[in-house]
């Protein structure tokens, strides 16, 4: 399990980019059209992912695992299922709540063309 992103929903991608990229110095890593941009935090391998699809969604860490299905089957019982594993571009994702109520996203990249 690796912390890959901190998911940050936004209603205004332009304003969010102005803050994180232009003011705070994060560097743009990739983007999906005009809705999603990943930025590297200076001095780390972790990125933030700004996304406009659901501005009301909670901020959440995104952990990458080899298999979301396997993680889901063996997950700690203290993780409450919010969304069961579902296919996303390049793999699968599931959403959980930890015992304190924080949202956790778990994803894999198992269907990407270069996946093992």
PDB file of N, CA and C in Angstrom:
ATOM      1  N   UNK A   1       0.850  -1.168   0.000  1.00  0.00           N
ATOM      2  CA  UNK A   1       0.000   0.000   0.000  1.00  0.00           C
ATOM      3  C   UNK A   1       0.894   1.229   0.000  1.00  0.00           C
ATOM      4  N   UNK A   2       0.596   2.136  -0.895  1.00  0.00           N
ATOM      5  CA  UNK A   2       1.395   3.357  -1.014  1.00  0.00           C
ATOM      6  C   UNK A   2       0.464   4.566  -1.104  1.00  0.00           C
ATOM      7  N   UNK A   3       0.766   5.608  -0.340  1.00  0.00           N
ATOM      8  CA  UNK A   3       0.024   6.857  -0.466  1.00  0.00           C
ATOM      9  C   UNK A   3       0.444   7.502  -1.773  1.00  0.00           C
ATOM     10  N   UNK A   4      -0.484   7.600  -2.707  1.00  0.00           N
ATOM     11  CA  UNK A   4      -0.181   8.119  -4.036  1.00  0.00           C
ATOM     12  C   UNK A   4      -0.591   9.586  -4.189  1.00  0.00           C
ATOM     13  N   UNK A   5      -1.788   9.911  -3.714  1.00  0.00           N
ATOM     14  CA  UNK A   5      -2.338  11.262  -3.864  1.00  0.00           C
ATOM     15  C   UNK A   5      -3.052  11.676  -2.593  1.00  0.00           C
ATOM     16  N   UNK A   6      -3.214  12.981  -2.463  1.00  0.00           N
ATOM     17  CA  UNK A   6      -4.207  13.536  -1.568  1.00  0.00           C
ATOM     18  C   UNK A   6      -5.264  14.111  -2.502  1.00  0.00           C
ATOM     19  N   UNK A   7      -6.447  13.514  -2.501  1.00  0.00           N
ATOM     20  CA  UNK A   7      -7.545  13.924  -3.373  1.00  0.00           C
ATOM     21  C   UNK A   7      -8.161  15.204  -2.813  1.00  0.00           C
ATOM     22  N   UNK A   8      -8.174  16.260  -3.642  1.00  0.00           N
ATOM     23  CA  UNK A   8      -8.727  17.546  -3.221  1.00  0.00           C
ATOM     24  C   UNK A   8      -9.786  17.979  -4.229  1.00  0.00           C
ATOM     25  N   UNK A   9     -11.061  17.819  -3.877  1.00  0.00           N
ATOM     26  CA  UNK A   9     -12.120  18.291  -4.773  1.00  0.00           C
ATOM     27  C   UNK A   9     -12.114  19.818  -4.816  1.00  0.00           C
ATOM     28  N   UNK A  10     -12.515  20.355  -5.950  1.00  0.00           N
ATOM     29  CA  UNK A  10     -12.558  21.804  -6.097  1.00  0.00           C
ATOM     30  C   UNK A  10     -13.693  22.209  -7.028  1.00  0.00           C
ATOM     31  N   UNK A  11     -14.303  23.316  -6.725  1.00  0.00           N
ATOM     32  CA  UNK A  11     -15.332  23.879  -7.608  1.00  0.00           C
ATOM     33  C   UNK A  11     -14.705  24.822  -8.623  1.00  0.00           C
ATOM     34  N   UNK A  12     -13.446  25.209  -8.394  1.00  0.00           N
ATOM     35  CA  UNK A  12     -12.784  26.179  -9.260  1.00  0.00           C
ATOM     36  C   UNK A  12     -11.339  25.736  -9.503  1.00  0.00           C
ATOM     37  N   UNK A  13     -11.141  24.956 -10.561  1.00  0.00           N
ATOM     38  CA  UNK A  13      -9.816  24.421 -10.853  1.00  0.00           C
ATOM     39  C   UNK A  13      -8.807  25.534 -11.107  1.00  0.00           C
ATOM     40  N   UNK A  14      -9.215  26.568 -11.800  1.00  0.00           N
ATOM     41  CA  UNK A  14      -8.311  27.672 -12.105  1.00  0.00           C
ATOM     42  C   UNK A  14      -7.792  28.328 -10.819  1.00  0.00           C
ATOM     43  N   UNK A  15      -8.689  28.581  -9.883  1.00  0.00           N
ATOM     44  CA  UNK A  15      -8.281  29.197  -8.608  1.00  0.00           C
ATOM     45  C   UNK A  15      -7.412  28.246  -7.793  1.00  0.00           C
ATOM     46  N   UNK A  16      -7.752  26.964  -7.804  1.00  0.00           N
ATOM     47  CA  UNK A  16      -6.942  25.984  -7.068  1.00  0.00           C
ATOM     48  C   UNK A  16      -5.539  25.881  -7.656  1.00  0.00           C
ATOM     49  N   UNK A  17      -5.439  25.868  -8.987  1.00  0.00           N
ATOM     50  CA  UNK A  17      -4.121  25.847  -9.632  1.00  0.00           C
ATOM     51  C   UNK A  17      -3.322  27.106  -9.303  1.00  0.00           C
ATOM     52  N   UNK A  18      -4.005  28.242  -9.256  1.00  0.00           N
ATOM     53  CA  UNK A  18      -3.325  29.488  -8.916  1.00  0.00           C
ATOM     54  C   UNK A  18      -2.713  29.395  -7.519  1.00  0.00           C
ATOM     55  N   UNK A  19      -3.405  28.755  -6.597  1.00  0.00           N
ATOM     56  CA  UNK A  19      -2.867  28.603  -5.254  1.00  0.00           C
ATOM     57  C   UNK A  19      -1.733  27.582  -5.212  1.00  0.00           C
ATOM     58  N   UNK A  20      -2.043  26.332  -5.569  1.00  0.00           N
ATOM     59  CA  UNK A  20      -1.069  25.257  -5.378  1.00  0.00           C
ATOM     60  C   UNK A  20       0.128  25.334  -6.328  1.00  0.00           C
ATOM     61  N   UNK A  21      -0.130  25.598  -7.593  1.00  0.00           N
ATOM     62  CA  UNK A  21       0.962  25.617  -8.577  1.00  0.00           C
ATOM     63  C   UNK A  21       1.675  26.963  -8.578  1.00  0.00           C
ATOM     64  N   UNK A  22       0.904  28.031  -8.720  1.00  0.00           N
ATOM     65  CA  UNK A  22       1.501  29.348  -8.938  1.00  0.00           C
ATOM     66  C   UNK A  22       1.995  30.009  -7.645  1.00  0.00           C
ATOM     67  N   UNK A  23       1.249  29.858  -6.544  1.00  0.00           N
ATOM     68  CA  UNK A  23       1.663  30.504  -5.291  1.00  0.00           C
ATOM     69  C   UNK A  23       2.533  29.613  -4.409  1.00  0.00           C
ATOM     70  N   UNK A  24       2.171  28.318  -4.308  1.00  0.00           N
ATOM     71  CA  UNK A  24       2.899  27.428  -3.405  1.00  0.00           C
ATOM     72  C   UNK A  24       4.030  26.660  -4.083  1.00  0.00           C
ATOM     73  N   UNK A  25       4.117  26.725  -5.400  1.00  0.00           N
ATOM     74  CA  UNK A  25       5.237  26.146  -6.120  1.00  0.00           C
ATOM     75  C   UNK A  25       5.155  24.661  -6.418  1.00  0.00           C
ATOM     76  N   UNK A  26       3.958  24.063  -6.315  1.00  0.00           N
ATOM     77  CA  UNK A  26       3.817  22.654  -6.686  1.00  0.00           C
ATOM     78  C   UNK A  26       3.987  22.558  -8.201  1.00  0.00           C
ATOM     79  N   UNK A  27       4.521  21.442  -8.687  1.00  0.00           N
ATOM     80  CA  UNK A  27       4.726  21.303 -10.134  1.00  0.00           C
ATOM     81  C   UNK A  27       3.681  20.358 -10.732  1.00  0.00           C
ATOM     82  N   UNK A  28       3.124  20.780 -11.866  1.00  0.00           N
ATOM     83  CA  UNK A  28       2.105  19.984 -12.539  1.00  0.00           C
ATOM     84  C   UNK A  28       2.736  18.710 -13.093  1.00  0.00           C
ATOM     85  N   UNK A  29       2.093  17.558 -12.801  1.00  0.00           N
ATOM     86  CA  UNK A  29       2.586  16.257 -13.240  1.00  0.00           C
ATOM     87  C   UNK A  29       1.789  15.708 -14.414  1.00  0.00           C
ATOM     88  N   UNK A  30       0.478  15.819 -14.359  1.00  0.00           N
ATOM     89  CA  UNK A  30      -0.382  15.350 -15.440  1.00  0.00           C
ATOM     90  C   UNK A  30      -1.762  15.960 -15.257  1.00  0.00           C
ATOM     91  N   UNK A  31      -2.566  15.846 -16.300  1.00  0.00           N
ATOM     92  CA  UNK A  31      -3.940  16.334 -16.227  1.00  0.00           C
ATOM     93  C   UNK A  31      -4.833  15.505 -17.117  1.00  0.00           C
ATOM     94  N   UNK A  32      -6.109  15.500 -16.763  1.00  0.00           N
ATOM     95  CA  UNK A  32      -7.141  14.884 -17.584  1.00  0.00           C
ATOM     96  C   UNK A  32      -8.095  16.000 -17.979  1.00  0.00           C
ATOM     97  N   UNK A  33      -7.884  16.519 -19.186  1.00  0.00           N
ATOM     98  CA  UNK A  33      -8.737  17.588 -19.694  1.00  0.00           C
ATOM     99  C   UNK A  33      -8.759  18.797 -18.787  1.00  0.00           C
ATOM    100  N   UNK A  34      -9.959  19.344 -18.630  1.00  0.00           N
ATOM    101  CA  UNK A  34     -10.137  20.544 -17.811  1.00  0.00           C
ATOM    102  C   UNK A  34     -10.751  20.221 -16.456  1.00  0.00           C
ATOM    103  N   UNK A  35     -10.662  18.942 -16.029  1.00  0.00           N
ATOM    104  CA  UNK A  35     -11.335  18.554 -14.784  1.00  0.00           C
ATOM    105  C   UNK A  35     -10.409  18.049 -13.692  1.00  0.00           C
ATOM    106  N   UNK A  36      -9.245  17.503 -14.056  1.00  0.00           N
ATOM    107  CA  UNK A  36      -8.376  16.887 -13.058  1.00  0.00           C
ATOM    108  C   UNK A  36      -6.916  17.234 -13.352  1.00  0.00           C
ATOM    109  N   UNK A  37      -6.197  17.652 -12.299  1.00  0.00           N
ATOM    110  CA  UNK A  37      -4.774  17.961 -12.425  1.00  0.00           C
ATOM    111  C   UNK A  37      -4.053  17.396 -11.205  1.00  0.00           C
ATOM    112  N   UNK A  38      -2.934  16.710 -11.443  1.00  0.00           N
ATOM    113  CA  UNK A  38      -2.093  16.224 -10.350  1.00  0.00           C
ATOM    114  C   UNK A  38      -0.865  17.115 -10.250  1.00  0.00           C
ATOM    115  N   UNK A  39      -0.515  17.443  -9.027  1.00  0.00           N
ATOM    116  CA  UNK A  39       0.625  18.317  -8.748  1.00  0.00           C
ATOM    117  C   UNK A  39       1.533  17.646  -7.729  1.00  0.00           C
ATOM    118  N   UNK A  40       2.838  17.742  -7.930  1.00  0.00           N
ATOM    119  CA  UNK A  40       3.809  17.187  -6.997  1.00  0.00           C
ATOM    120  C   UNK A  40       4.083  18.170  -5.873  1.00  0.00           C
ATOM    121  N   UNK A  41       4.107  17.646  -4.655  1.00  0.00           N
ATOM    122  CA  UNK A  41       4.501  18.443  -3.509  1.00  0.00           C
ATOM    123  C   UNK A  41       6.012  18.533  -3.522  1.00  0.00           C
ATOM    124  N   UNK A  42       6.555  19.728  -3.401  1.00  0.00           N
ATOM    125  CA  UNK A  42       8.009  19.869  -3.417  1.00  0.00           C
ATOM    126  C   UNK A  42       8.670  18.997  -2.349  1.00  0.00           C
ATOM    127  N   UNK A  43       9.704  18.262  -2.754  1.00  0.00           N
ATOM    128  CA  UNK A  43      10.476  17.463  -1.818  1.00  0.00           C
ATOM    129  C   UNK A  43       9.868  16.128  -1.427  1.00  0.00           C
ATOM    130  N   UNK A  44       8.775  15.699  -2.083  1.00  0.00           N
ATOM    131  CA  UNK A  44       8.160  14.411  -1.760  1.00  0.00           C
ATOM    132  C   UNK A  44       7.795  13.678  -3.048  1.00  0.00           C
ATOM    133  N   UNK A  45       7.420  12.404  -2.894  1.00  0.00           N
ATOM    134  CA  UNK A  45       6.916  11.649  -4.037  1.00  0.00           C
ATOM    135  C   UNK A  45       5.394  11.690  -4.099  1.00  0.00           C
ATOM    136  N   UNK A  46       4.757  12.228  -3.066  1.00  0.00           N
ATOM    137  CA  UNK A  46       3.304  12.286  -3.007  1.00  0.00           C
ATOM    138  C   UNK A  46       2.795  13.479  -3.807  1.00  0.00           C
ATOM    139  N   UNK A  47       1.632  13.287  -4.399  1.00  0.00           N
ATOM    140  CA  UNK A  47       1.017  14.340  -5.201  1.00  0.00           C
ATOM    141  C   UNK A  47      -0.354  14.707  -4.627  1.00  0.00           C
ATOM    142  N   UNK A  48      -0.822  15.891  -4.983  1.00  0.00           N
ATOM    143  CA  UNK A  48      -2.214  16.221  -4.737  1.00  0.00           C
ATOM    144  C   UNK A  48      -2.925  16.086  -6.076  1.00  0.00           C
ATOM    145  N   UNK A  49      -4.194  15.723  -6.035  1.00  0.00           N
ATOM    146  CA  UNK A  49      -4.990  15.607  -7.239  1.00  0.00           C
ATOM    147  C   UNK A  49      -6.196  16.515  -7.085  1.00  0.00           C
ATOM    148  N   UNK A  50      -6.203  17.594  -7.845  1.00  0.00           N
ATOM    149  CA  UNK A  50      -7.326  18.520  -7.864  1.00  0.00           C
ATOM    150  C   UNK A  50      -8.352  17.992  -8.853  1.00  0.00           C
ATOM    151  N   UNK A  51      -9.624  17.955  -8.442  1.00  0.00           N
ATOM    152  CA  UNK A  51     -10.641  17.359  -9.297  1.00  0.00           C
ATOM    153  C   UNK A  51     -11.960  18.108  -9.152  1.00  0.00           C
ATOM    154  N   UNK A  52     -12.603  18.377 -10.295  1.00  0.00           N
ATOM    155  CA  UNK A  52     -13.851  19.145 -10.292  1.00  0.00           C
ATOM    156  C   UNK A  52     -15.105  18.293 -10.443  1.00  0.00           C
ATOM    157  N   UNK A  53     -14.974  16.964 -10.546  1.00  0.00           N
ATOM    158  CA  UNK A  53     -16.142  16.111 -10.795  1.00  0.00           C
ATOM    159  C   UNK A  53     -17.192  16.191  -9.697  1.00  0.00           C
ATOM    160  N   UNK A  54     -16.785  16.264  -8.444  1.00  0.00           N
ATOM    161  CA  UNK A  54     -17.715  16.336  -7.312  1.00  0.00           C
ATOM    162  C   UNK A  54     -17.122  17.275  -6.268  1.00  0.00           C
ATOM    163  N   UNK A  55     -17.345  18.592  -6.432  1.00  0.00           N
ATOM    164  CA  UNK A  55     -16.725  19.564  -5.526  1.00  0.00           C
ATOM    165  C   UNK A  55     -17.092  19.367  -4.057  1.00  0.00           C
ATOM    166  N   UNK A  56     -18.199  18.688  -3.786  1.00  0.00           N
ATOM    167  CA  UNK A  56     -18.612  18.467  -2.401  1.00  0.00           C
ATOM    168  C   UNK A  56     -18.033  17.210  -1.784  1.00  0.00           C
ATOM    169  N   UNK A  57     -17.260  16.449  -2.545  1.00  0.00           N
ATOM    170  CA  UNK A  57     -16.653  15.219  -2.021  1.00  0.00           C
ATOM    171  C   UNK A  57     -15.639  15.568  -0.942  1.00  0.00           C
ATOM    172  N   UNK A  58     -15.392  14.645  -0.028  1.00  0.00           N
ATOM    173  CA  UNK A  58     -14.408  14.928   1.026  1.00  0.00           C
ATOM    174  C   UNK A  58     -12.973  14.855   0.512  1.00  0.00           C
ATOM    175  N   UNK A  59     -12.108  15.638   1.126  1.00  0.00           N
ATOM    176  CA  UNK A  59     -10.668  15.502   0.898  1.00  0.00           C
ATOM    177  C   UNK A  59     -10.281  14.138   1.458  1.00  0.00           C
ATOM    178  N   UNK A  60      -9.461  13.393   0.705  1.00  0.00           N
ATOM    179  CA  UNK A  60      -9.135  12.037   1.150  1.00  0.00           C
ATOM    180  C   UNK A  60      -7.784  11.585   0.624  1.00  0.00           C
ATOM    181  N   UNK A  61      -7.073  10.779   1.416  1.00  0.00           N
ATOM    182  CA  UNK A  61      -5.875  10.153   0.877  1.00  0.00           C
ATOM    183  C   UNK A  61      -6.276   9.068  -0.118  1.00  0.00           C
ATOM    184  N   UNK A  62      -5.456   8.889  -1.161  1.00  0.00           N
ATOM    185  CA  UNK A  62      -5.667   7.830  -2.144  1.00  0.00           C
ATOM    186  C   UNK A  62      -4.480   6.883  -2.051  1.00  0.00           C
ATOM    187  N   UNK A  63      -4.760   5.657  -1.640  1.00  0.00           N
ATOM    188  CA  UNK A  63      -3.732   4.637  -1.517  1.00  0.00           C
ATOM    189  C   UNK A  63      -3.795   3.711  -2.716  1.00  0.00           C
ATOM    190  N   UNK A  64      -2.644   3.370  -3.287  1.00  0.00           N
ATOM    191  CA  UNK A  64      -2.579   2.436  -4.409  1.00  0.00           C
ATOM    192  C   UNK A  64      -2.143   1.074  -3.864  1.00  0.00           C
ATOM    193  N   UNK A  65      -2.874   0.066  -4.284  1.00  0.00           N
ATOM    194  CA  UNK A  65      -2.577  -1.320  -3.918  1.00  0.00           C
ATOM    195  C   UNK A  65      -2.468  -2.138  -5.200  1.00  0.00           C
ATOM    196  N   UNK A  66      -1.945  -3.363  -5.095  1.00  0.00           N
ATOM    197  CA  UNK A  66      -1.860  -4.223  -6.273  1.00  0.00           C
ATOM    198  C   UNK A  66      -3.237  -4.625  -6.768  1.00  0.00           C
ATOM    199  N   UNK A  67      -4.161  -4.902  -5.841  1.00  0.00           N
ATOM    200  CA  UNK A  67      -5.505  -5.347  -6.200  1.00  0.00           C
ATOM    201  C   UNK A  67      -6.518  -4.811  -5.204  1.00  0.00           C
ATOM    202  N   UNK A  68      -7.437  -3.991  -5.687  1.00  0.00           N
ATOM    203  CA  UNK A  68      -8.502  -3.479  -4.820  1.00  0.00           C
ATOM    204  C   UNK A  68      -9.390  -4.626  -4.343  1.00  0.00           C
ATOM    205  N   UNK A  69      -9.671  -5.578  -5.219  1.00  0.00           N
ATOM    206  CA  UNK A  69     -10.506  -6.726  -4.832  1.00  0.00           C
ATOM    207  C   UNK A  69      -9.870  -7.480  -3.661  1.00  0.00           C
ATOM    208  N   UNK A  70      -8.560  -7.747  -3.732  1.00  0.00           N
ATOM    209  CA  UNK A  70      -7.871  -8.452  -2.657  1.00  0.00           C
ATOM    210  C   UNK A  70      -7.845  -7.610  -1.381  1.00  0.00           C
ATOM    211  N   UNK A  71      -7.592  -6.321  -1.508  1.00  0.00           N
ATOM    212  CA  UNK A  71      -7.607  -5.442  -0.344  1.00  0.00           C
ATOM    213  C   UNK A  71      -8.979  -5.466   0.306  1.00  0.00           C
ATOM    214  N   UNK A  72     -10.013  -5.345  -0.524  1.00  0.00           N
ATOM    215  CA  UNK A  72     -11.389  -5.302  -0.028  1.00  0.00           C
ATOM    216  C   UNK A  72     -11.730  -6.599   0.721  1.00  0.00           C
ATOM    217  N   UNK A  73     -11.324  -7.724   0.158  1.00  0.00           N
ATOM    218  CA  UNK A  73     -11.622  -9.018   0.778  1.00  0.00           C
ATOM    219  C   UNK A  73     -10.921  -9.174   2.122  1.00  0.00           C
ATOM    220  N   UNK A  74      -9.739  -8.597   2.271  1.00  0.00           N
ATOM    221  CA  UNK A  74      -8.972  -8.754   3.498  1.00  0.00           C
ATOM    222  C   UNK A  74      -8.889  -7.508   4.349  1.00  0.00           C
ATOM    223  N   UNK A  75      -9.705  -6.516   4.041  1.00  0.00           N
ATOM    224  CA  UNK A  75      -9.602  -5.230   4.735  1.00  0.00           C
ATOM    225  C   UNK A  75      -9.899  -5.378   6.228  1.00  0.00           C
ATOM    226  N   UNK A  76      -9.338  -4.491   7.031  1.00  0.00           N
ATOM    227  CA  UNK A  76      -9.694  -4.485   8.445  1.00  0.00           C
ATOM    228  C   UNK A  76     -11.192  -4.206   8.608  1.00  0.00           C
ATOM    229  N   UNK A  77     -11.824  -4.887   9.518  1.00  0.00           N
ATOM    230  CA  UNK A  77     -13.271  -4.720   9.723  1.00  0.00           C
ATOM    231  C   UNK A  77     -13.618  -3.318  10.223  1.00  0.00           C
ATOM    232  N   UNK A  78     -12.625  -2.591  10.720  1.00  0.00           N
ATOM    233  CA  UNK A  78     -12.879  -1.234  11.194  1.00  0.00           C
ATOM    234  C   UNK A  78     -13.039  -0.238  10.054  1.00  0.00           C
ATOM    235  N   UNK A  79     -12.730  -0.656   8.821  1.00  0.00           N
ATOM    236  CA  UNK A  79     -12.971   0.208   7.659  1.00  0.00           C
ATOM    237  C   UNK A  79     -14.383  -0.044   7.152  1.00  0.00           C
ATOM    238  N   UNK A  80     -15.241   0.954   7.278  1.00  0.00           N
ATOM    239  CA  UNK A  80     -16.615   0.839   6.799  1.00  0.00           C
ATOM    240  C   UNK A  80     -16.645   1.097   5.291  1.00  0.00           C
ATOM    241  N   UNK A  81     -17.355   0.262   4.564  1.00  0.00           N
ATOM    242  CA  UNK A  81     -17.447   0.391   3.114  1.00  0.00           C
ATOM    243  C   UNK A  81     -18.433   1.508   2.770  1.00  0.00           C
ATOM    244  N   UNK A  82     -17.954   2.485   2.011  1.00  0.00           N
ATOM    245  CA  UNK A  82     -18.812   3.551   1.483  1.00  0.00           C
ATOM    246  C   UNK A  82     -19.198   3.203   0.048  1.00  0.00           C
ATOM    247  N   UNK A  83     -18.206   2.822  -0.750  1.00  0.00           N
ATOM    248  CA  UNK A  83     -18.429   2.364  -2.127  1.00  0.00           C
ATOM    249  C   UNK A  83     -17.583   1.125  -2.348  1.00  0.00           C
ATOM    250  N   UNK A  84     -18.234   0.019  -2.690  1.00  0.00           N
ATOM    251  CA  UNK A  84     -17.540  -1.234  -2.968  1.00  0.00           C
ATOM    252  C   UNK A  84     -16.652  -1.060  -4.196  1.00  0.00           C
ATOM    253  N   UNK A  85     -15.708  -1.970  -4.400  1.00  0.00           N
ATOM    254  CA  UNK A  85     -14.833  -1.856  -5.577  1.00  0.00           C
ATOM    255  C   UNK A  85     -15.625  -1.699  -6.871  1.00  0.00           C
ATOM    256  N   UNK A  86     -15.195  -0.734  -7.660  1.00  0.00           N
ATOM    257  CA  UNK A  86     -15.833  -0.443  -8.948  1.00  0.00           C
ATOM    258  C   UNK A  86     -14.740  -0.082  -9.947  1.00  0.00           C
ATOM    259  N   UNK A  87     -15.017  -0.367 -11.199  1.00  0.00           N
ATOM    260  CA  UNK A  87     -14.035  -0.086 -12.244  1.00  0.00           C
ATOM    261  C   UNK A  87     -13.936   1.413 -12.492  1.00  0.00           C
ATOM    262  N   UNK A  88     -12.699   1.878 -12.640  1.00  0.00           N
ATOM    263  CA  UNK A  88     -12.388   3.248 -13.011  1.00  0.00           C
ATOM    264  C   UNK A  88     -11.408   3.158 -14.185  1.00  0.00           C
ATOM    265  N   UNK A  89     -11.143   4.253 -14.885  1.00  0.00           N
ATOM    266  CA  UNK A  89     -10.144   4.171 -15.955  1.00  0.00           C
ATOM    267  C   UNK A  89      -8.811   3.662 -15.419  1.00  0.00           C
ATOM    268  N   UNK A  90      -8.319   2.576 -15.973  1.00  0.00           N
ATOM    269  CA  UNK A  90      -7.026   2.026 -15.594  1.00  0.00           C
ATOM    270  C   UNK A  90      -7.041   1.018 -14.463  1.00  0.00           C
ATOM    271  N   UNK A  91      -8.187   0.800 -13.820  1.00  0.00           N
ATOM    272  CA  UNK A  91      -8.198  -0.153 -12.707  1.00  0.00           C
ATOM    273  C   UNK A  91      -9.504  -0.155 -11.943  1.00  0.00           C
ATOM    274  N   UNK A  92      -9.372  -0.256 -10.606  1.00  0.00           N
ATOM    275  CA  UNK A  92     -10.529  -0.317  -9.718  1.00  0.00           C
ATOM    276  C   UNK A  92     -10.312   0.600  -8.527  1.00  0.00           C
ATOM    277  N   UNK A  93     -11.416   1.030  -7.914  1.00  0.00           N
ATOM    278  CA  UNK A  93     -11.349   1.903  -6.744  1.00  0.00           C
ATOM    279  C   UNK A  93     -12.452   1.519  -5.772  1.00  0.00           C
ATOM    280  N   UNK A  94     -12.178   1.680  -4.478  1.00  0.00           N
ATOM    281  CA  UNK A  94     -13.167   1.503  -3.428  1.00  0.00           C
ATOM    282  C   UNK A  94     -13.007   2.650  -2.438  1.00  0.00           C
ATOM    283  N   UNK A  95     -14.095   2.982  -1.748  1.00  0.00           N
ATOM    284  CA  UNK A  95     -14.087   4.080  -0.780  1.00  0.00           C
ATOM    285  C   UNK A  95     -14.512   3.542   0.584  1.00  0.00           C
ATOM    286  N   UNK A  96     -13.794   3.969   1.619  1.00  0.00           N
ATOM    287  CA  UNK A  96     -14.057   3.518   2.982  1.00  0.00           C
ATOM    288  C   UNK A  96     -14.081   4.709   3.927  1.00  0.00           C
ATOM    289  N   UNK A  97     -14.596   4.468   5.134  1.00  0.00           N
ATOM    290  CA  UNK A  97     -14.488   5.417   6.243  1.00  0.00           C
ATOM    291  C   UNK A  97     -13.700   4.718   7.341  1.00  0.00           C
ATOM    292  N   UNK A  98     -12.752   5.440   7.928  1.00  0.00           N
ATOM    293  CA  UNK A  98     -12.012   4.872   9.041  1.00  0.00           C
ATOM    294  C   UNK A  98     -12.830   5.031  10.320  1.00  0.00           C
ATOM    295  N   UNK A  99     -12.381   4.473  11.441  1.00  0.00           N
ATOM    296  CA  UNK A  99     -13.183   4.547  12.675  1.00  0.00           C
ATOM    297  C   UNK A  99     -13.485   5.970  13.140  1.00  0.00           C
ATOM    298  N   UNK A 100     -12.645   6.926  12.756  1.00  0.00           N
ATOM    299  CA  UNK A 100     -12.882   8.318  13.137  1.00  0.00           C
ATOM    300  C   UNK A 100     -13.755   9.085  12.163  1.00  0.00           C
ATOM    301  N   UNK A 101     -14.165   8.442  11.061  1.00  0.00           N
ATOM    302  CA  UNK A 101     -15.048   9.087  10.089  1.00  0.00           C
ATOM    303  C   UNK A 101     -14.340   9.668   8.881  1.00  0.00           C
ATOM    304  N   UNK A 102     -13.011   9.555   8.812  1.00  0.00           N
ATOM    305  CA  UNK A 102     -12.276  10.083   7.658  1.00  0.00           C
ATOM    306  C   UNK A 102     -12.463   9.162   6.454  1.00  0.00           C
ATOM    307  N   UNK A 103     -12.543   9.756   5.283  1.00  0.00           N
ATOM    308  CA  UNK A 103     -12.676   9.001   4.042  1.00  0.00           C
ATOM    309  C   UNK A 103     -11.299   8.536   3.573  1.00  0.00           C
ATOM    310  N   UNK A 104     -11.243   7.294   3.072  1.00  0.00           N
ATOM    311  CA  UNK A 104     -10.028   6.713   2.508  1.00  0.00           C
ATOM    312  C   UNK A 104     -10.385   6.115   1.156  1.00  0.00           C
ATOM    313  N   UNK A 105      -9.635   6.462   0.127  1.00  0.00           N
ATOM    314  CA  UNK A 105      -9.817   5.887  -1.201  1.00  0.00           C
ATOM    315  C   UNK A 105      -8.691   4.890  -1.451  1.00  0.00           C
ATOM    316  N   UNK A 106      -9.039   3.728  -1.999  1.00  0.00           N
ATOM    317  CA  UNK A 106      -8.058   2.706  -2.333  1.00  0.00           C
ATOM    318  C   UNK A 106      -8.255   2.374  -3.802  1.00  0.00           C
ATOM    319  N   UNK A 107      -7.155   2.398  -4.573  1.00  0.00           N
ATOM    320  CA  UNK A 107      -7.264   2.130  -6.005  1.00  0.00           C
ATOM    321  C   UNK A 107      -6.127   1.237  -6.465  1.00  0.00           C
ATOM    322  N   UNK A 108      -6.354   0.598  -7.618  1.00  0.00           N
ATOM    323  CA  UNK A 108      -5.277  -0.116  -8.273  1.00  0.00           C
ATOM    324  C   UNK A 108      -5.231   0.342  -9.725  1.00  0.00           C
ATOM    325  N   UNK A 109      -4.194  -0.049 -10.407  1.00  0.00           N
ATOM    326  CA  UNK A 109      -4.037   0.296 -11.818  1.00  0.00           C
ATOM    327  C   UNK A 109      -3.900  -0.994 -12.635  1.00  0.00           C
ATOM    328  N   UNK A 110      -4.738  -1.961 -12.280  1.00  0.00           N
ATOM    329  CA  UNK A 110      -4.617  -3.308 -12.807  1.00  0.00           C
ATOM    330  C   UNK A 110      -5.037  -3.470 -14.261  1.00  0.00           C
ATOM    331  N   UNK A 111      -5.792  -2.529 -14.798  1.00  0.00           N
ATOM    332  CA  UNK A 111      -6.221  -2.685 -16.197  1.00  0.00           C
ATOM    333  C   UNK A 111      -5.483  -1.760 -17.140  1.00  0.00           C
ATOM    334  N   UNK A 112      -4.475  -1.021 -16.625  1.00  0.00           N
ATOM    335  CA  UNK A 112      -3.673  -0.196 -17.516  1.00  0.00           C
ATOM    336  C   UNK A 112      -2.913  -1.119 -18.478  1.00  0.00           C
ATOM    337  N   UNK A 113      -2.650  -0.661 -19.665  1.00  0.00           N
ATOM    338  CA  UNK A 113      -2.015  -1.484 -20.674  1.00  0.00           C
ATOM    339  C   UNK A 113      -0.665  -2.010 -20.242  1.00  0.00           C
ATOM    340  N   UNK A 114       0.068  -1.263 -19.426  1.00  0.00           N
ATOM    341  CA  UNK A 114       1.401  -1.723 -19.025  1.00  0.00           C
ATOM    342  C   UNK A 114       1.404  -2.399 -17.657  1.00  0.00           C
ATOM    343  N   UNK A 115       0.202  -2.676 -17.103  1.00  0.00           N
ATOM    344  CA  UNK A 115       0.137  -3.375 -15.813  1.00  0.00           C
ATOM    345  C   UNK A 115       0.613  -4.814 -15.986  1.00  0.00           C
ATOM    346  N   UNK A 116       1.284  -5.352 -14.932  1.00  0.00           N
ATOM    347  CA  UNK A 116       1.797  -6.728 -15.032  1.00  0.00           C
ATOM    348  C   UNK A 116       0.688  -7.755 -15.127  1.00  0.00           C
TER     349      UNK A 116
END
